[in-house]
Amino acid sequence: MENWNYIGIEGVIGVGKTTLATILSQRFQAKTIFEEVDDNPFLPLFYEDPSKYAFVTQIFFLLSRYKSLKEITTREIFTRRVISDYIFDKDRIFASINLDDRELILYEELYKMLSRDIPVPDIVIYLQADTDVLMERIKKRGRIYERNMNKNYIKKLNEIYNDYFFHYEKSPLIIVNANNVNFLTNQYAIDALIEKINTVQKDIHYISFNI
C-alpha cells in the first residue's frame, strides 16, 4: 500500500516496537509518535502493587495516548506520513486484564468517548514473540521498574495480544514473527518488511525471519 499515511506498530512489552518505528520513520521520512511510558508516574507503583494502582495507571495511559494520537489530524496525515509505536486499541487490551469489573465499566465509558476522535491506522504491524524472548529483551534493556517483571503477566499479555490481532479487521495487518530478528542489524529484514508495507492491500499477512 504505497499510498498509506499512518502506520501503527504494536506488540507486547519489550518486543521492539520503538526500535522498528524509528527505523521505518527514517526510511519513509515520516513523523514519529512514541508512547511516553516513562512519563507515567504510577507505572512503577503498579508493578509493585497492581491491584492498588491499576486504575490510575490505566487512566493516565488512556489520556496520554489520546492526547498524542489526537494530534494526528486529518490534515496532517494527508501532508506527512506518521508512524507510531502503539495504537489506541492497546489501551483497552491492558485494561481488560488489569482492571476489576467495576473499574472496567467506568473505563469503557471514557474509552468510547475518546476513541471517536482517534484515526484508524492505514496499516498495523504486529510484532509477535515468544514469552521467553520477551522476558530476555525486557531484562536486557534494564529499566529499573521492570527488573522484577512477572513472567506470568507477560505470558497473559502475549496470549491476549495474539488473540486480539489474529482477529483484527480494522485495517490491513502485517504480523511479524520477531523471535529471531534484530531490525537494528538486519537490513534484509527491514527491506522485506518495507516491500510488504508497499504491497499490502487488505486482510492479514505474515512474515517470519529465520536468519
N, C-alpha and C. Protein backbone atom coordinates (compact mmCIF):
# COMPACT_ATOMS: atom_id res chain seq x y z
N MET A 1 0.85 -1.19 0.00
CA MET A 1 0.00 0.00 0.00
C MET A 1 0.89 1.25 0.00
N GLU A 2 1.29 1.68 -1.17
CA GLU A 2 2.23 2.80 -1.25
C GLU A 2 1.60 4.14 -0.87
N ASN A 3 0.28 4.21 -0.87
CA ASN A 3 -0.39 5.47 -0.56
C ASN A 3 -0.83 5.59 0.89
N TRP A 4 -0.18 4.83 1.79
CA TRP A 4 -0.54 4.91 3.21
C TRP A 4 -0.11 6.24 3.80
N ASN A 5 -0.79 6.65 4.87
CA ASN A 5 -0.45 7.87 5.59
C ASN A 5 -0.10 7.64 7.06
N TYR A 6 -0.66 6.57 7.64
CA TYR A 6 -0.46 6.35 9.07
C TYR A 6 -0.28 4.87 9.35
N ILE A 7 0.88 4.52 9.94
CA ILE A 7 1.17 3.15 10.34
C ILE A 7 1.27 3.09 11.86
N GLY A 8 0.63 2.10 12.46
CA GLY A 8 0.76 1.85 13.89
C GLY A 8 1.48 0.53 14.12
N ILE A 9 2.44 0.52 15.03
CA ILE A 9 3.19 -0.69 15.35
C ILE A 9 2.80 -1.16 16.74
N GLU A 10 2.55 -2.46 16.88
CA GLU A 10 2.11 -2.98 18.16
C GLU A 10 2.85 -4.26 18.53
N GLY A 11 2.70 -4.64 19.80
CA GLY A 11 3.31 -5.84 20.32
C GLY A 11 3.47 -5.73 21.83
N VAL A 12 3.76 -6.83 22.46
CA VAL A 12 3.87 -6.88 23.91
C VAL A 12 5.14 -6.14 24.36
N ILE A 13 5.19 -5.77 25.62
CA ILE A 13 6.32 -5.08 26.22
C ILE A 13 7.64 -5.75 25.84
N GLY A 14 8.58 -4.96 25.33
CA GLY A 14 9.92 -5.46 25.06
C GLY A 14 10.14 -6.07 23.70
N VAL A 15 9.12 -6.09 22.83
CA VAL A 15 9.26 -6.79 21.56
C VAL A 15 10.05 -6.00 20.52
N GLY A 16 10.17 -4.68 20.69
CA GLY A 16 10.96 -3.88 19.76
C GLY A 16 10.18 -2.88 18.93
N LYS A 17 9.05 -2.43 19.44
CA LYS A 17 8.19 -1.51 18.70
C LYS A 17 8.88 -0.17 18.41
N THR A 18 9.49 0.42 19.43
CA THR A 18 10.10 1.74 19.28
C THR A 18 11.28 1.69 18.32
N THR A 19 12.06 0.63 18.42
CA THR A 19 13.21 0.46 17.50
C THR A 19 12.73 0.41 16.06
N LEU A 20 11.71 -0.39 15.80
CA LEU A 20 11.22 -0.52 14.43
C LEU A 20 10.59 0.78 13.95
N ALA A 21 9.83 1.45 14.80
CA ALA A 21 9.22 2.72 14.42
C ALA A 21 10.27 3.75 14.04
N THR A 22 11.37 3.79 14.78
CA THR A 22 12.45 4.73 14.49
C THR A 22 13.08 4.44 13.14
N ILE A 23 13.35 3.16 12.88
CA ILE A 23 13.99 2.78 11.61
C ILE A 23 13.07 3.07 10.43
N LEU A 24 11.80 2.69 10.54
CA LEU A 24 10.87 2.92 9.43
C LEU A 24 10.63 4.41 9.19
N SER A 25 10.58 5.19 10.26
CA SER A 25 10.37 6.63 10.09
C SER A 25 11.52 7.27 9.33
N GLN A 26 12.73 6.77 9.54
CA GLN A 26 13.89 7.28 8.81
C GLN A 26 13.83 6.88 7.34
N ARG A 27 13.43 5.65 7.07
CA ARG A 27 13.35 5.19 5.69
C ARG A 27 12.25 5.89 4.91
N PHE A 28 11.12 6.15 5.58
CA PHE A 28 9.99 6.77 4.91
C PHE A 28 9.93 8.29 5.11
N GLN A 29 10.88 8.82 5.88
CA GLN A 29 10.89 10.25 6.22
C GLN A 29 9.55 10.66 6.83
N ALA A 30 9.10 9.86 7.78
CA ALA A 30 7.80 10.07 8.42
C ALA A 30 7.97 10.68 9.80
N LYS A 31 6.92 11.32 10.25
CA LYS A 31 6.87 11.81 11.63
C LYS A 31 6.65 10.61 12.55
N THR A 32 7.26 10.64 13.72
CA THR A 32 7.07 9.55 14.67
C THR A 32 6.30 10.03 15.90
N ILE A 33 5.48 9.13 16.42
CA ILE A 33 4.80 9.36 17.70
C ILE A 33 5.17 8.19 18.60
N PHE A 34 5.86 8.49 19.69
CA PHE A 34 6.30 7.46 20.61
C PHE A 34 5.47 7.49 21.89
N GLU A 35 5.17 6.31 22.39
CA GLU A 35 4.44 6.23 23.65
C GLU A 35 5.33 6.71 24.80
N GLU A 36 4.77 7.56 25.65
CA GLU A 36 5.54 8.16 26.73
C GLU A 36 5.41 7.32 28.01
N VAL A 37 5.95 6.12 27.94
CA VAL A 37 5.82 5.18 29.04
C VAL A 37 6.48 5.70 30.32
N ASP A 38 7.69 6.22 30.18
CA ASP A 38 8.44 6.65 31.36
C ASP A 38 7.85 7.89 32.02
N ASP A 39 6.91 8.55 31.37
CA ASP A 39 6.29 9.74 31.94
C ASP A 39 5.12 9.40 32.87
N ASN A 40 4.73 8.14 32.91
CA ASN A 40 3.62 7.75 33.78
C ASN A 40 4.13 7.54 35.20
N PRO A 41 3.79 8.45 36.13
CA PRO A 41 4.34 8.36 37.49
C PRO A 41 3.78 7.18 38.29
N PHE A 42 2.69 6.59 37.79
CA PHE A 42 2.05 5.49 38.51
C PHE A 42 2.59 4.11 38.10
N LEU A 43 3.34 4.05 37.00
CA LEU A 43 3.75 2.76 36.48
C LEU A 43 4.65 1.98 37.44
N PRO A 44 5.69 2.60 38.02
CA PRO A 44 6.50 1.84 38.99
C PRO A 44 5.67 1.33 40.17
N LEU A 45 4.70 2.14 40.60
CA LEU A 45 3.83 1.73 41.71
C LEU A 45 2.94 0.57 41.29
N PHE A 46 2.50 0.58 40.03
CA PHE A 46 1.66 -0.51 39.52
C PHE A 46 2.40 -1.84 39.57
N TYR A 47 3.67 -1.84 39.17
CA TYR A 47 4.43 -3.09 39.19
C TYR A 47 4.67 -3.59 40.60
N GLU A 48 4.66 -2.68 41.58
CA GLU A 48 4.82 -3.08 42.98
C GLU A 48 3.52 -3.59 43.58
N ASP A 49 2.41 -2.94 43.20
CA ASP A 49 1.10 -3.30 43.76
C ASP A 49 0.02 -3.12 42.69
N PRO A 50 -0.11 -4.07 41.77
CA PRO A 50 -1.04 -3.93 40.64
C PRO A 50 -2.48 -3.65 41.03
N SER A 51 -3.00 -4.33 42.03
CA SER A 51 -4.41 -4.17 42.38
C SER A 51 -4.71 -2.76 42.89
N LYS A 52 -3.75 -2.14 43.54
CA LYS A 52 -3.97 -0.82 44.12
C LYS A 52 -3.82 0.29 43.09
N TYR A 53 -2.89 0.13 42.16
CA TYR A 53 -2.56 1.24 41.26
C TYR A 53 -2.96 1.00 39.80
N ALA A 54 -3.65 -0.09 39.52
CA ALA A 54 -4.01 -0.40 38.13
C ALA A 54 -4.88 0.69 37.50
N PHE A 55 -5.89 1.15 38.22
CA PHE A 55 -6.85 2.08 37.62
C PHE A 55 -6.21 3.43 37.29
N VAL A 56 -5.48 4.01 38.24
CA VAL A 56 -4.87 5.32 37.97
C VAL A 56 -3.80 5.20 36.89
N THR A 57 -3.08 4.07 36.88
CA THR A 57 -2.08 3.85 35.84
C THR A 57 -2.74 3.79 34.47
N GLN A 58 -3.86 3.07 34.40
CA GLN A 58 -4.55 2.90 33.12
C GLN A 58 -5.16 4.21 32.63
N ILE A 59 -5.75 4.96 33.52
CA ILE A 59 -6.36 6.23 33.11
C ILE A 59 -5.30 7.22 32.65
N PHE A 60 -4.15 7.23 33.32
CA PHE A 60 -3.07 8.10 32.88
C PHE A 60 -2.65 7.72 31.45
N PHE A 61 -2.48 6.42 31.20
CA PHE A 61 -2.10 5.98 29.87
C PHE A 61 -3.17 6.31 28.84
N LEU A 62 -4.43 6.10 29.20
CA LEU A 62 -5.52 6.38 28.27
C LEU A 62 -5.51 7.84 27.82
N LEU A 63 -5.38 8.75 28.77
CA LEU A 63 -5.40 10.17 28.45
C LEU A 63 -4.13 10.60 27.70
N SER A 64 -3.01 10.01 28.08
CA SER A 64 -1.75 10.32 27.41
C SER A 64 -1.77 9.84 25.96
N ARG A 65 -2.26 8.62 25.74
CA ARG A 65 -2.35 8.08 24.39
C ARG A 65 -3.34 8.87 23.55
N TYR A 66 -4.43 9.27 24.17
CA TYR A 66 -5.43 10.08 23.47
C TYR A 66 -4.82 11.41 23.02
N LYS A 67 -4.14 12.06 23.93
CA LYS A 67 -3.54 13.37 23.62
C LYS A 67 -2.55 13.27 22.47
N SER A 68 -1.70 12.23 22.49
CA SER A 68 -0.69 12.08 21.45
C SER A 68 -1.29 11.74 20.10
N LEU A 69 -2.20 10.77 20.08
CA LEU A 69 -2.77 10.34 18.80
C LEU A 69 -3.79 11.31 18.25
N LYS A 70 -4.37 12.13 19.12
CA LYS A 70 -5.31 13.16 18.66
C LYS A 70 -4.60 14.17 17.77
N GLU A 71 -3.28 14.27 17.92
CA GLU A 71 -2.51 15.20 17.11
C GLU A 71 -2.44 14.77 15.65
N ILE A 72 -2.76 13.50 15.39
CA ILE A 72 -2.78 13.02 14.01
C ILE A 72 -4.10 13.48 13.38
N THR A 73 -4.16 14.71 13.02
CA THR A 73 -5.37 15.25 12.43
C THR A 73 -5.49 14.80 10.98
N THR A 74 -6.68 14.89 10.45
CA THR A 74 -6.90 14.51 9.06
C THR A 74 -6.00 15.30 8.13
N ARG A 75 -5.82 16.57 8.43
CA ARG A 75 -4.97 17.41 7.59
C ARG A 75 -3.53 16.92 7.62
N GLU A 76 -3.04 16.56 8.80
CA GLU A 76 -1.64 16.18 8.94
C GLU A 76 -1.33 14.88 8.19
N ILE A 77 -2.20 13.87 8.31
CA ILE A 77 -1.87 12.60 7.69
C ILE A 77 -2.00 12.64 6.18
N PHE A 78 -2.53 13.72 5.63
CA PHE A 78 -2.55 13.87 4.19
C PHE A 78 -1.43 14.77 3.68
N THR A 79 -0.62 15.29 4.59
CA THR A 79 0.51 16.12 4.18
C THR A 79 1.84 15.50 4.58
N ARG A 80 1.83 14.59 5.58
CA ARG A 80 3.06 13.94 6.00
C ARG A 80 2.73 12.59 6.62
N ARG A 81 3.51 11.60 6.29
CA ARG A 81 3.28 10.27 6.86
C ARG A 81 3.62 10.25 8.35
N VAL A 82 2.90 9.38 9.06
CA VAL A 82 3.07 9.26 10.51
C VAL A 82 3.24 7.79 10.86
N ILE A 83 4.21 7.50 11.75
CA ILE A 83 4.40 6.16 12.27
C ILE A 83 4.42 6.24 13.79
N SER A 84 3.58 5.46 14.45
CA SER A 84 3.54 5.44 15.91
C SER A 84 3.93 4.06 16.42
N ASP A 85 4.53 4.02 17.63
CA ASP A 85 4.94 2.73 18.18
C ASP A 85 3.87 2.13 19.08
N TYR A 86 2.63 2.52 18.84
CA TYR A 86 1.48 1.91 19.51
C TYR A 86 0.22 2.34 18.77
N ILE A 87 -0.89 1.66 19.04
CA ILE A 87 -2.18 2.09 18.54
C ILE A 87 -3.12 2.26 19.73
N PHE A 88 -4.16 3.01 19.55
CA PHE A 88 -5.05 3.35 20.65
C PHE A 88 -5.72 2.10 21.24
N ASP A 89 -5.96 1.10 20.40
CA ASP A 89 -6.62 -0.12 20.85
C ASP A 89 -5.86 -0.82 21.96
N LYS A 90 -4.53 -0.62 22.03
CA LYS A 90 -3.74 -1.33 23.03
C LYS A 90 -4.19 -0.98 24.44
N ASP A 91 -4.68 0.23 24.63
CA ASP A 91 -5.09 0.65 25.96
C ASP A 91 -6.19 -0.26 26.49
N ARG A 92 -7.09 -0.61 25.62
CA ARG A 92 -8.20 -1.48 26.01
C ARG A 92 -7.73 -2.89 26.33
N ILE A 93 -6.69 -3.34 25.61
CA ILE A 93 -6.14 -4.67 25.88
C ILE A 93 -5.60 -4.73 27.30
N PHE A 94 -4.81 -3.73 27.68
CA PHE A 94 -4.25 -3.70 29.03
C PHE A 94 -5.35 -3.55 30.08
N ALA A 95 -6.32 -2.71 29.80
CA ALA A 95 -7.41 -2.50 30.75
C ALA A 95 -8.16 -3.80 31.03
N SER A 96 -8.31 -4.64 30.01
CA SER A 96 -9.09 -5.87 30.16
C SER A 96 -8.47 -6.85 31.14
N ILE A 97 -7.16 -6.77 31.34
CA ILE A 97 -6.54 -7.71 32.27
C ILE A 97 -6.10 -7.05 33.57
N ASN A 98 -6.07 -5.72 33.62
CA ASN A 98 -5.57 -5.05 34.82
C ASN A 98 -6.66 -4.47 35.72
N LEU A 99 -7.85 -4.25 35.18
CA LEU A 99 -8.91 -3.60 35.96
C LEU A 99 -9.95 -4.60 36.44
N ASP A 100 -10.55 -4.31 37.59
CA ASP A 100 -11.63 -5.17 38.05
C ASP A 100 -12.93 -4.77 37.34
N ASP A 101 -13.99 -5.50 37.58
CA ASP A 101 -15.23 -5.30 36.82
C ASP A 101 -15.80 -3.90 36.97
N ARG A 102 -15.79 -3.35 38.17
CA ARG A 102 -16.34 -2.02 38.39
C ARG A 102 -15.49 -0.95 37.71
N GLU A 103 -14.18 -1.10 37.83
CA GLU A 103 -13.28 -0.14 37.19
C GLU A 103 -13.41 -0.21 35.67
N LEU A 104 -13.59 -1.41 35.15
CA LEU A 104 -13.68 -1.60 33.71
C LEU A 104 -14.93 -0.95 33.13
N ILE A 105 -16.02 -0.96 33.86
CA ILE A 105 -17.25 -0.30 33.40
C ILE A 105 -17.01 1.20 33.22
N LEU A 106 -16.40 1.82 34.21
CA LEU A 106 -16.10 3.25 34.13
C LEU A 106 -15.09 3.53 33.03
N TYR A 107 -14.09 2.69 32.95
CA TYR A 107 -13.06 2.85 31.91
C TYR A 107 -13.69 2.79 30.51
N GLU A 108 -14.57 1.83 30.28
CA GLU A 108 -15.17 1.65 28.96
C GLU A 108 -15.96 2.88 28.51
N GLU A 109 -16.64 3.53 29.44
CA GLU A 109 -17.39 4.74 29.10
C GLU A 109 -16.45 5.84 28.62
N LEU A 110 -15.35 6.00 29.32
CA LEU A 110 -14.38 7.02 28.93
C LEU A 110 -13.70 6.66 27.62
N TYR A 111 -13.36 5.39 27.47
CA TYR A 111 -12.70 4.93 26.25
C TYR A 111 -13.58 5.18 25.02
N LYS A 112 -14.84 4.87 25.12
CA LYS A 112 -15.75 5.04 23.99
C LYS A 112 -15.83 6.50 23.55
N MET A 113 -15.87 7.40 24.51
CA MET A 113 -15.93 8.83 24.18
C MET A 113 -14.66 9.30 23.49
N LEU A 114 -13.52 8.87 23.98
CA LEU A 114 -12.25 9.34 23.45
C LEU A 114 -11.91 8.70 22.10
N SER A 115 -12.25 7.44 21.93
CA SER A 115 -11.83 6.71 20.72
C SER A 115 -12.46 7.28 19.45
N ARG A 116 -13.55 8.01 19.57
CA ARG A 116 -14.20 8.60 18.40
C ARG A 116 -13.30 9.59 17.67
N ASP A 117 -12.36 10.18 18.39
CA ASP A 117 -11.51 11.21 17.81
C ASP A 117 -10.19 10.67 17.27
N ILE A 118 -9.97 9.38 17.40
CA ILE A 118 -8.67 8.80 17.04
C ILE A 118 -8.75 8.11 15.68
N PRO A 119 -7.87 8.47 14.75
CA PRO A 119 -7.90 7.83 13.43
C PRO A 119 -7.43 6.39 13.48
N VAL A 120 -7.99 5.57 12.60
CA VAL A 120 -7.57 4.17 12.48
C VAL A 120 -6.35 4.11 11.55
N PRO A 121 -5.29 3.39 11.92
CA PRO A 121 -4.11 3.31 11.04
C PRO A 121 -4.45 2.72 9.67
N ASP A 122 -3.73 3.17 8.66
CA ASP A 122 -3.88 2.57 7.33
C ASP A 122 -3.31 1.16 7.31
N ILE A 123 -2.24 0.95 8.09
CA ILE A 123 -1.60 -0.36 8.21
C ILE A 123 -1.20 -0.54 9.67
N VAL A 124 -1.38 -1.75 10.20
CA VAL A 124 -0.88 -2.08 11.54
C VAL A 124 0.17 -3.18 11.40
N ILE A 125 1.29 -3.01 12.07
CA ILE A 125 2.33 -4.03 12.13
C ILE A 125 2.34 -4.59 13.55
N TYR A 126 2.09 -5.89 13.66
CA TYR A 126 2.09 -6.54 14.98
C TYR A 126 3.34 -7.39 15.10
N LEU A 127 4.23 -7.01 16.02
CA LEU A 127 5.44 -7.77 16.29
C LEU A 127 5.11 -8.83 17.33
N GLN A 128 5.26 -10.09 16.96
CA GLN A 128 4.91 -11.19 17.85
C GLN A 128 6.18 -11.94 18.25
N ALA A 129 6.31 -12.25 19.54
CA ALA A 129 7.47 -13.01 20.01
C ALA A 129 7.05 -13.90 21.17
N ASP A 130 7.80 -14.96 21.40
CA ASP A 130 7.52 -15.87 22.50
C ASP A 130 7.78 -15.18 23.84
N THR A 131 7.12 -15.67 24.86
CA THR A 131 7.24 -15.05 26.19
C THR A 131 8.68 -15.05 26.69
N ASP A 132 9.40 -16.15 26.50
CA ASP A 132 10.78 -16.21 26.97
C ASP A 132 11.65 -15.18 26.25
N VAL A 133 11.40 -14.97 24.98
CA VAL A 133 12.14 -13.96 24.22
C VAL A 133 11.85 -12.57 24.77
N LEU A 134 10.59 -12.31 25.04
CA LEU A 134 10.21 -11.01 25.59
C LEU A 134 10.86 -10.77 26.95
N MET A 135 10.85 -11.77 27.80
CA MET A 135 11.46 -11.64 29.12
C MET A 135 12.95 -11.33 29.01
N GLU A 136 13.63 -11.96 28.09
CA GLU A 136 15.06 -11.71 27.89
C GLU A 136 15.32 -10.28 27.40
N ARG A 137 14.47 -9.80 26.51
CA ARG A 137 14.65 -8.44 25.99
C ARG A 137 14.31 -7.40 27.05
N ILE A 138 13.30 -7.68 27.85
CA ILE A 138 12.96 -6.77 28.95
C ILE A 138 14.13 -6.68 29.92
N LYS A 139 14.72 -7.82 30.23
CA LYS A 139 15.87 -7.84 31.14
C LYS A 139 17.04 -7.08 30.55
N LYS A 140 17.27 -7.23 29.26
CA LYS A 140 18.42 -6.62 28.61
C LYS A 140 18.32 -5.10 28.56
N ARG A 141 17.10 -4.56 28.42
CA ARG A 141 17.01 -3.10 28.33
C ARG A 141 17.12 -2.42 29.69
N GLY A 142 16.94 -3.17 30.77
CA GLY A 142 17.34 -2.71 32.09
C GLY A 142 16.57 -1.57 32.73
N ARG A 143 15.30 -1.46 32.43
CA ARG A 143 14.51 -0.43 33.13
C ARG A 143 14.29 -0.85 34.58
N ILE A 144 14.53 0.06 35.50
CA ILE A 144 14.51 -0.27 36.93
C ILE A 144 13.17 -0.86 37.34
N TYR A 145 12.07 -0.24 36.92
CA TYR A 145 10.76 -0.69 37.38
C TYR A 145 10.32 -2.00 36.71
N GLU A 146 11.10 -2.46 35.71
CA GLU A 146 10.78 -3.72 35.05
C GLU A 146 11.65 -4.88 35.53
N ARG A 147 12.54 -4.62 36.47
CA ARG A 147 13.53 -5.64 36.83
C ARG A 147 12.89 -6.86 37.50
N ASN A 148 11.74 -6.68 38.10
CA ASN A 148 11.04 -7.81 38.72
C ASN A 148 9.76 -8.16 37.95
N MET A 149 9.84 -7.97 36.64
CA MET A 149 8.67 -8.23 35.81
C MET A 149 8.19 -9.68 35.97
N ASN A 150 6.89 -9.82 36.18
CA ASN A 150 6.30 -11.13 36.39
C ASN A 150 6.12 -11.84 35.04
N LYS A 151 6.71 -13.01 34.92
CA LYS A 151 6.63 -13.75 33.66
C LYS A 151 5.19 -14.15 33.33
N ASN A 152 4.41 -14.48 34.33
CA ASN A 152 3.02 -14.86 34.08
C ASN A 152 2.21 -13.69 33.52
N TYR A 153 2.55 -12.48 33.96
CA TYR A 153 1.88 -11.28 33.45
C TYR A 153 2.18 -11.11 31.96
N ILE A 154 3.46 -11.26 31.58
CA ILE A 154 3.85 -11.14 30.17
C ILE A 154 3.22 -12.27 29.36
N LYS A 155 3.17 -13.46 29.91
CA LYS A 155 2.54 -14.60 29.22
C LYS A 155 1.07 -14.31 28.95
N LYS A 156 0.38 -13.77 29.94
CA LYS A 156 -1.03 -13.45 29.77
C LYS A 156 -1.23 -12.35 28.74
N LEU A 157 -0.38 -11.32 28.81
CA LEU A 157 -0.44 -10.25 27.80
C LEU A 157 -0.23 -10.82 26.41
N ASN A 158 0.74 -11.70 26.29
CA ASN A 158 1.06 -12.29 24.99
C ASN A 158 -0.13 -13.05 24.43
N GLU A 159 -0.80 -13.79 25.27
CA GLU A 159 -1.96 -14.57 24.83
C GLU A 159 -3.09 -13.65 24.37
N ILE A 160 -3.32 -12.57 25.12
CA ILE A 160 -4.41 -11.66 24.76
C ILE A 160 -4.08 -10.88 23.49
N TYR A 161 -2.82 -10.43 23.37
CA TYR A 161 -2.39 -9.75 22.14
C TYR A 161 -2.57 -10.65 20.93
N ASN A 162 -2.11 -11.90 21.06
CA ASN A 162 -2.24 -12.83 19.93
C ASN A 162 -3.69 -13.03 19.53
N ASP A 163 -4.53 -13.23 20.51
CA ASP A 163 -5.94 -13.43 20.22
C ASP A 163 -6.55 -12.20 19.56
N TYR A 164 -6.21 -11.03 20.08
CA TYR A 164 -6.77 -9.79 19.53
C TYR A 164 -6.35 -9.57 18.08
N PHE A 165 -5.06 -9.70 17.81
CA PHE A 165 -4.59 -9.37 16.47
C PHE A 165 -4.82 -10.48 15.46
N PHE A 166 -4.98 -11.70 15.91
CA PHE A 166 -5.32 -12.75 14.96
C PHE A 166 -6.77 -12.62 14.49
N HIS A 167 -7.52 -11.72 15.11
CA HIS A 167 -8.90 -11.46 14.69
C HIS A 167 -9.10 -9.98 14.31
N TYR A 168 -8.01 -9.29 14.09
CA TYR A 168 -8.07 -7.85 13.79
C TYR A 168 -8.57 -7.60 12.37
N GLU A 169 -9.51 -6.66 12.21
CA GLU A 169 -10.09 -6.42 10.89
C GLU A 169 -10.22 -4.93 10.55
N LYS A 170 -9.72 -4.04 11.39
CA LYS A 170 -9.93 -2.62 11.17
C LYS A 170 -9.10 -2.07 10.02
N SER A 171 -7.96 -2.67 9.76
CA SER A 171 -7.06 -2.21 8.70
C SER A 171 -6.16 -3.36 8.31
N PRO A 172 -5.45 -3.25 7.17
CA PRO A 172 -4.50 -4.30 6.81
C PRO A 172 -3.50 -4.55 7.93
N LEU A 173 -3.21 -5.81 8.20
CA LEU A 173 -2.36 -6.18 9.33
C LEU A 173 -1.19 -7.03 8.85
N ILE A 174 0.01 -6.63 9.26
CA ILE A 174 1.21 -7.41 8.98
C ILE A 174 1.70 -7.99 10.31
N ILE A 175 1.67 -9.31 10.45
CA ILE A 175 2.14 -9.97 11.66
C ILE A 175 3.56 -10.45 11.42
N VAL A 176 4.49 -9.96 12.23
CA VAL A 176 5.90 -10.28 12.07
C VAL A 176 6.34 -11.17 13.23
N ASN A 177 6.86 -12.35 12.90
CA ASN A 177 7.48 -13.19 13.92
C ASN A 177 8.84 -12.57 14.24
N ALA A 178 8.92 -11.94 15.42
CA ALA A 178 10.12 -11.18 15.78
C ALA A 178 11.07 -11.95 16.68
N ASN A 179 10.89 -13.26 16.80
CA ASN A 179 11.73 -14.06 17.69
C ASN A 179 13.21 -14.00 17.33
N ASN A 180 13.49 -14.06 16.02
CA ASN A 180 14.87 -14.24 15.59
C ASN A 180 15.41 -13.09 14.76
N VAL A 181 14.86 -11.91 14.94
CA VAL A 181 15.32 -10.80 14.11
C VAL A 181 15.65 -9.58 14.96
N ASN A 182 16.75 -8.93 14.60
CA ASN A 182 17.14 -7.65 15.20
C ASN A 182 17.11 -6.62 14.08
N PHE A 183 16.11 -5.76 14.09
CA PHE A 183 15.95 -4.81 13.00
C PHE A 183 17.08 -3.77 12.94
N LEU A 184 17.81 -3.61 14.04
CA LEU A 184 18.93 -2.67 14.04
C LEU A 184 20.08 -3.16 13.17
N THR A 185 20.22 -4.47 13.06
CA THR A 185 21.38 -5.03 12.35
C THR A 185 21.00 -5.81 11.10
N ASN A 186 19.73 -6.04 10.89
CA ASN A 186 19.30 -6.90 9.79
C ASN A 186 18.64 -6.07 8.68
N GLN A 187 19.45 -5.65 7.72
CA GLN A 187 18.94 -4.82 6.64
C GLN A 187 17.98 -5.60 5.75
N TYR A 188 18.25 -6.89 5.58
CA TYR A 188 17.36 -7.72 4.76
C TYR A 188 15.94 -7.71 5.33
N ALA A 189 15.83 -7.84 6.64
CA ALA A 189 14.51 -7.88 7.27
C ALA A 189 13.78 -6.56 7.08
N ILE A 190 14.50 -5.46 7.21
CA ILE A 190 13.88 -4.15 7.00
C ILE A 190 13.39 -4.01 5.57
N ASP A 191 14.23 -4.38 4.61
CA ASP A 191 13.84 -4.27 3.20
C ASP A 191 12.62 -5.15 2.89
N ALA A 192 12.59 -6.35 3.47
CA ALA A 192 11.46 -7.25 3.23
C ALA A 192 10.18 -6.69 3.83
N LEU A 193 10.30 -6.10 5.01
CA LEU A 193 9.12 -5.52 5.65
C LEU A 193 8.62 -4.31 4.87
N ILE A 194 9.53 -3.48 4.40
CA ILE A 194 9.13 -2.31 3.61
C ILE A 194 8.44 -2.74 2.31
N GLU A 195 8.96 -3.78 1.68
CA GLU A 195 8.32 -4.30 0.47
C GLU A 195 6.89 -4.76 0.78
N LYS A 196 6.72 -5.42 1.91
CA LYS A 196 5.38 -5.86 2.30
C LYS A 196 4.47 -4.67 2.57
N ILE A 197 4.99 -3.64 3.24
CA ILE A 197 4.20 -2.43 3.51
C ILE A 197 3.73 -1.80 2.20
N ASN A 198 4.60 -1.75 1.21
CA ASN A 198 4.28 -1.10 -0.05
C ASN A 198 3.33 -1.91 -0.92
N THR A 199 3.16 -3.20 -0.63
CA THR A 199 2.32 -4.03 -1.48
C THR A 199 1.07 -4.54 -0.79
N VAL A 200 1.01 -4.41 0.54
CA VAL A 200 -0.14 -4.94 1.27
C VAL A 200 -1.41 -4.20 0.88
N GLN A 201 -2.51 -4.92 0.79
CA GLN A 201 -3.77 -4.32 0.39
C GLN A 201 -4.85 -4.45 1.47
N LYS A 202 -5.06 -5.65 1.97
CA LYS A 202 -6.08 -5.88 2.98
C LYS A 202 -5.79 -7.19 3.70
N ASP A 203 -6.61 -7.48 4.69
CA ASP A 203 -6.53 -8.75 5.41
C ASP A 203 -5.25 -8.85 6.25
N ILE A 204 -4.89 -10.10 6.61
CA ILE A 204 -3.74 -10.36 7.48
C ILE A 204 -2.62 -11.01 6.67
N HIS A 205 -1.39 -10.54 6.91
CA HIS A 205 -0.22 -11.06 6.21
C HIS A 205 0.84 -11.42 7.25
N TYR A 206 1.61 -12.46 6.97
CA TYR A 206 2.58 -12.97 7.93
C TYR A 206 3.99 -12.90 7.35
N ILE A 207 4.95 -12.51 8.21
CA ILE A 207 6.37 -12.51 7.83
C ILE A 207 7.14 -13.18 8.96
N SER A 208 8.06 -14.07 8.57
CA SER A 208 8.92 -14.73 9.54
C SER A 208 10.35 -14.67 9.04
N PHE A 209 11.28 -14.38 9.95
CA PHE A 209 12.69 -14.31 9.60
C PHE A 209 13.45 -15.38 10.36
N ASN A 210 13.94 -16.40 9.68
CA ASN A 210 14.71 -17.46 10.31
C ASN A 210 16.18 -17.31 9.95
N ILE A 211 16.68 -16.10 10.16
CA ILE A 211 18.07 -15.81 9.79
C ILE A 211 18.75 -15.05 10.90
